[in-house]
Amino acid sequence: MSEIKGQLLGIVLAIALFGVVFGIMVNSFGRTSTAIGERMVSAVQTSATYQDAP
């Protein structure tokens, strides 16, 4: 009976570990995409004029 409990504990801990890693990755990718989006918006809003070379 203790072997089954140990295996179940191992499975639960593995699922919890993967859940934590997945949560950290989702949060990180979300912040990164937001930062990139903000940089793109600021780049688009920057007005610059380019003149052709004579």
PDB file of N, CA and C in Angstrom:
ATOM      1  N   MET A   1       0.826  -1.202   0.000  1.00  0.00           N
ATOM      2  CA  MET A   1       0.000   0.000   0.000  1.00  0.00           C
ATOM      3  C   MET A   1       0.866   1.260   0.000  1.00  0.00           C
ATOM      4  N   SER A   2       2.015   1.216   0.665  1.00  0.00           N
ATOM      5  CA  SER A   2       2.864   2.408   0.726  1.00  0.00           C
ATOM      6  C   SER A   2       3.518   2.689  -0.629  1.00  0.00           C
ATOM      7  N   GLU A   3       3.721   1.629  -1.442  1.00  0.00           N
ATOM      8  CA  GLU A   3       4.277   1.855  -2.774  1.00  0.00           C
ATOM      9  C   GLU A   3       3.309   2.655  -3.630  1.00  0.00           C
ATOM     10  N   ILE A   4       2.043   2.326  -3.528  1.00  0.00           N
ATOM     11  CA  ILE A   4       1.022   3.039  -4.300  1.00  0.00           C
ATOM     12  C   ILE A   4       0.958   4.495  -3.848  1.00  0.00           C
ATOM     13  N   LYS A   5       1.022   4.723  -2.557  1.00  0.00           N
ATOM     14  CA  LYS A   5       1.008   6.096  -2.040  1.00  0.00           C
ATOM     15  C   LYS A   5       2.223   6.872  -2.518  1.00  0.00           C
ATOM     16  N   GLY A   6       3.382   6.224  -2.532  1.00  0.00           N
ATOM     17  CA  GLY A   6       4.597   6.879  -3.008  1.00  0.00           C
ATOM     18  C   GLY A   6       4.515   7.214  -4.485  1.00  0.00           C
ATOM     19  N   GLN A   7       3.961   6.302  -5.275  1.00  0.00           N
ATOM     20  CA  GLN A   7       3.807   6.571  -6.703  1.00  0.00           C
ATOM     21  C   GLN A   7       2.812   7.697  -6.944  1.00  0.00           C
ATOM     22  N   LEU A   8       1.727   7.692  -6.205  1.00  0.00           N
ATOM     23  CA  LEU A   8       0.735   8.768  -6.349  1.00  0.00           C
ATOM     24  C   LEU A   8       1.326  10.112  -5.940  1.00  0.00           C
ATOM     25  N   LEU A   9       2.118  10.122  -4.879  1.00  0.00           N
ATOM     26  CA  LEU A   9       2.774  11.350  -4.450  1.00  0.00           C
ATOM     27  C   LEU A   9       3.734  11.850  -5.526  1.00  0.00           C
ATOM     28  N   GLY A  10       4.478  10.933  -6.120  1.00  0.00           N
ATOM     29  CA  GLY A  10       5.395  11.303  -7.199  1.00  0.00           C
ATOM     30  C   GLY A  10       4.665  11.878  -8.392  1.00  0.00           C
ATOM     31  N   ILE A  11       3.539  11.279  -8.755  1.00  0.00           N
ATOM     32  CA  ILE A  11       2.743  11.775  -9.879  1.00  0.00           C
ATOM     33  C   ILE A  11       2.194  13.155  -9.574  1.00  0.00           C
ATOM     34  N   VAL A  12       1.673  13.344  -8.382  1.00  0.00           N
ATOM     35  CA  VAL A  12       1.111  14.643  -7.994  1.00  0.00           C
ATOM     36  C   VAL A  12       2.197  15.713  -7.977  1.00  0.00           C
ATOM     37  N   LEU A  13       3.369  15.383  -7.452  1.00  0.00           N
ATOM     38  CA  LEU A  13       4.469  16.350  -7.431  1.00  0.00           C
ATOM     39  C   LEU A  13       4.946  16.685  -8.838  1.00  0.00           C
ATOM     40  N   ALA A  14       5.003  15.708  -9.727  1.00  0.00           N
ATOM     41  CA  ALA A  14       5.417  15.963 -11.106  1.00  0.00           C
ATOM     42  C   ALA A  14       4.407  16.870 -11.811  1.00  0.00           C
ATOM     43  N   ILE A  15       3.125  16.601 -11.620  1.00  0.00           N
ATOM     44  CA  ILE A  15       2.088  17.448 -12.231  1.00  0.00           C
ATOM     45  C   ILE A  15       2.166  18.863 -11.668  1.00  0.00           C
ATOM     46  N   ALA A  16       2.377  18.988 -10.371  1.00  0.00           N
ATOM     47  CA  ALA A  16       2.492  20.311  -9.765  1.00  0.00           C
ATOM     48  C   ALA A  16       3.709  21.062 -10.305  1.00  0.00           C
ATOM     49  N   LEU A  17       4.826  20.362 -10.447  1.00  0.00           N
ATOM     50  CA  LEU A  17       6.039  20.987 -10.975  1.00  0.00           C
ATOM     51  C   LEU A  17       5.823  21.468 -12.407  1.00  0.00           C
ATOM     52  N   PHE A  18       5.229  20.627 -13.255  1.00  0.00           N
ATOM     53  CA  PHE A  18       4.951  21.041 -14.620  1.00  0.00           C
ATOM     54  C   PHE A  18       3.970  22.213 -14.658  1.00  0.00           C
ATOM     55  N   GLY A  19       3.018  22.229 -13.754  1.00  0.00           N
ATOM     56  CA  GLY A  19       2.072  23.343 -13.687  1.00  0.00           C
ATOM     57  C   GLY A  19       2.759  24.651 -13.333  1.00  0.00           C
ATOM     58  N   VAL A  20       3.671  24.599 -12.394  1.00  0.00           N
ATOM     59  CA  VAL A  20       4.405  25.808 -11.998  1.00  0.00           C
ATOM     60  C   VAL A  20       5.268  26.305 -13.155  1.00  0.00           C
ATOM     61  N   VAL A  21       5.985  25.396 -13.803  1.00  0.00           N
ATOM     62  CA  VAL A  21       6.831  25.782 -14.935  1.00  0.00           C
ATOM     63  C   VAL A  21       5.980  26.362 -16.058  1.00  0.00           C
ATOM     64  N   PHE A  22       4.853  25.728 -16.354  1.00  0.00           N
ATOM     65  CA  PHE A  22       3.952  26.225 -17.396  1.00  0.00           C
ATOM     66  C   PHE A  22       3.438  27.613 -17.052  1.00  0.00           C
ATOM     67  N   GLY A  23       3.063  27.838 -15.800  1.00  0.00           N
ATOM     68  CA  GLY A  23       2.586  29.154 -15.369  1.00  0.00           C
ATOM     69  C   GLY A  23       3.646  30.229 -15.509  1.00  0.00           C
ATOM     70  N   ILE A  24       4.875  29.900 -15.149  1.00  0.00           N
ATOM     71  CA  ILE A  24       5.974  30.863 -15.283  1.00  0.00           C
ATOM     72  C   ILE A  24       6.217  31.187 -16.750  1.00  0.00           C
ATOM     73  N   MET A  25       6.180  30.180 -17.611  1.00  0.00           N
ATOM     74  CA  MET A  25       6.412  30.420 -19.039  1.00  0.00           C
ATOM     75  C   MET A  25       5.310  31.266 -19.654  1.00  0.00           C
ATOM     76  N   VAL A  26       4.065  30.993 -19.313  1.00  0.00           N
ATOM     77  CA  VAL A  26       2.949  31.778 -19.847  1.00  0.00           C
ATOM     78  C   VAL A  26       3.075  33.232 -19.406  1.00  0.00           C
ATOM     79  N   ASN A  27       3.403  33.444 -18.144  1.00  0.00           N
ATOM     80  CA  ASN A  27       3.572  34.800 -17.632  1.00  0.00           C
ATOM     81  C   ASN A  27       4.715  35.518 -18.342  1.00  0.00           C
ATOM     82  N   SER A  28       5.821  34.825 -18.523  1.00  0.00           N
ATOM     83  CA  SER A  28       6.986  35.414 -19.175  1.00  0.00           C
ATOM     84  C   SER A  28       6.684  35.777 -20.626  1.00  0.00           C
ATOM     85  N   PHE A  29       6.062  34.859 -21.372  1.00  0.00           N
ATOM     86  CA  PHE A  29       5.728  35.142 -22.762  1.00  0.00           C
ATOM     87  C   PHE A  29       4.710  36.274 -22.859  1.00  0.00           C
ATOM     88  N   GLY A  30       3.784  36.336 -21.929  1.00  0.00           N
ATOM     89  CA  GLY A  30       2.801  37.418 -21.939  1.00  0.00           C
ATOM     90  C   GLY A  30       3.444  38.773 -21.732  1.00  0.00           C
ATOM     91  N   ARG A  31       4.363  38.857 -20.763  1.00  0.00           N
ATOM     92  CA  ARG A  31       5.053  40.134 -20.518  1.00  0.00           C
ATOM     93  C   ARG A  31       5.938  40.522 -21.692  1.00  0.00           C
ATOM     94  N   THR A  32       6.591  39.532 -22.288  1.00  0.00           N
ATOM     95  CA  THR A  32       7.461  39.814 -23.427  1.00  0.00           C
ATOM     96  C   THR A  32       6.663  40.308 -24.620  1.00  0.00           C
ATOM     97  N   SER A  33       5.543  39.678 -24.904  1.00  0.00           N
ATOM     98  CA  SER A  33       4.729  40.117 -26.040  1.00  0.00           C
ATOM     99  C   SER A  33       4.149  41.500 -25.802  1.00  0.00           C
ATOM    100  N   THR A  34       3.801  41.803 -24.562  1.00  0.00           N
ATOM    101  CA  THR A  34       3.307  43.144 -24.251  1.00  0.00           C
ATOM    102  C   THR A  34       4.400  44.183 -24.463  1.00  0.00           C
ATOM    103  N   ALA A  35       5.612  43.883 -24.028  1.00  0.00           N
ATOM    104  CA  ALA A  35       6.730  44.815 -24.198  1.00  0.00           C
ATOM    105  C   ALA A  35       7.036  45.031 -25.676  1.00  0.00           C
ATOM    106  N   ILE A  36       7.024  43.951 -26.446  1.00  0.00           N
ATOM    107  CA  ILE A  36       7.288  44.081 -27.881  1.00  0.00           C
ATOM    108  C   ILE A  36       6.186  44.897 -28.544  1.00  0.00           C
ATOM    109  N   GLY A  37       4.943  44.661 -28.166  1.00  0.00           N
ATOM    110  CA  GLY A  37       3.834  45.432 -28.723  1.00  0.00           C
ATOM    111  C   GLY A  37       3.950  46.914 -28.417  1.00  0.00           C
ATOM    112  N   GLU A  38       4.334  47.230 -27.193  1.00  0.00           N
ATOM    113  CA  GLU A  38       4.498  48.638 -26.827  1.00  0.00           C
ATOM    114  C   GLU A  38       5.625  49.286 -27.609  1.00  0.00           C
ATOM    115  N   ARG A  39       6.713  48.560 -27.829  1.00  0.00           N
ATOM    116  CA  ARG A  39       7.821  49.103 -28.619  1.00  0.00           C
ATOM    117  C   ARG A  39       7.401  49.331 -30.067  1.00  0.00           C
ATOM    118  N   MET A  40       6.612  48.417 -30.617  1.00  0.00           N
ATOM    119  CA  MET A  40       6.163  48.573 -31.999  1.00  0.00           C
ATOM    120  C   MET A  40       5.236  49.777 -32.125  1.00  0.00           C
ATOM    121  N   VAL A  41       4.360  49.979 -31.162  1.00  0.00           N
ATOM    122  CA  VAL A  41       3.464  51.131 -31.193  1.00  0.00           C
ATOM    123  C   VAL A  41       4.257  52.427 -31.109  1.00  0.00           C
ATOM    124  N   SER A  42       5.260  52.469 -30.250  1.00  0.00           N
ATOM    125  CA  SER A  42       6.057  53.687 -30.132  1.00  0.00           C
ATOM    126  C   SER A  42       6.886  53.915 -31.398  1.00  0.00           C
ATOM    127  N   ALA A  43       7.316  52.852 -32.056  1.00  0.00           N
ATOM    128  CA  ALA A  43       8.069  53.008 -33.300  1.00  0.00           C
ATOM    129  C   ALA A  43       7.174  53.533 -34.415  1.00  0.00           C
ATOM    130  N   VAL A  44       5.921  53.092 -34.433  1.00  0.00           N
ATOM    131  CA  VAL A  44       4.988  53.554 -35.456  1.00  0.00           C
ATOM    132  C   VAL A  44       4.616  55.007 -35.216  1.00  0.00           C
ATOM    133  N   GLN A  45       4.474  55.398 -33.965  1.00  0.00           N
ATOM    134  CA  GLN A  45       4.071  56.760 -33.653  1.00  0.00           C
ATOM    135  C   GLN A  45       5.200  57.770 -33.854  1.00  0.00           C
ATOM    136  N   THR A  46       6.415  57.315 -33.899  1.00  0.00           N
ATOM    137  CA  THR A  46       7.542  58.209 -34.129  1.00  0.00           C
ATOM    138  C   THR A  46       7.465  58.716 -35.560  1.00  0.00           C
ATOM    139  N   SER A  47       7.389  60.026 -35.706  1.00  0.00           N
ATOM    140  CA  SER A  47       7.279  60.575 -37.059  1.00  0.00           C
ATOM    141  C   SER A  47       8.655  61.007 -37.533  1.00  0.00           C
ATOM    142  N   ALA A  48       9.022  60.524 -38.669  1.00  0.00           N
ATOM    143  CA  ALA A  48      10.300  60.895 -39.262  1.00  0.00           C
ATOM    144  C   ALA A  48      10.079  61.079 -40.756  1.00  0.00           C
ATOM    145  N   THR A  49      10.758  62.031 -41.313  1.00  0.00           N
ATOM    146  CA  THR A  49      10.643  62.256 -42.738  1.00  0.00           C
ATOM    147  C   THR A  49      11.950  61.861 -43.401  1.00  0.00           C
ATOM    148  N   TYR A  50      11.820  61.200 -44.498  1.00  0.00           N
ATOM    149  CA  TYR A  50      12.973  60.759 -45.242  1.00  0.00           C
ATOM    150  C   TYR A  50      12.963  61.473 -46.593  1.00  0.00           C
ATOM    151  N   GLN A  51      14.073  62.011 -46.966  1.00  0.00           N
ATOM    152  CA  GLN A  51      14.167  62.685 -48.253  1.00  0.00           C
ATOM    153  C   GLN A  51      15.058  61.864 -49.175  1.00  0.00           C
ATOM    154  N   ASP A  52      14.661  61.813 -50.439  1.00  0.00           N
ATOM    155  CA  ASP A  52      15.455  61.091 -51.408  1.00  0.00           C
ATOM    156  C   ASP A  52      16.755  61.841 -51.672  1.00  0.00           C
ATOM    157  N   ALA A  53      17.778  61.096 -51.925  1.00  0.00           N
ATOM    158  CA  ALA A  53      19.073  61.701 -52.237  1.00  0.00           C
ATOM    159  C   ALA A  53      18.991  62.332 -53.632  1.00  0.00           C
ATOM    160  N   PRO A  54      19.613  63.497 -53.808  1.00  0.00           N
ATOM    161  CA  PRO A  54      19.540  64.146 -55.132  1.00  0.00           C
ATOM    162  C   PRO A  54      20.321  63.434 -56.199  1.00  0.00           C
TER     163      PRO A  54
END
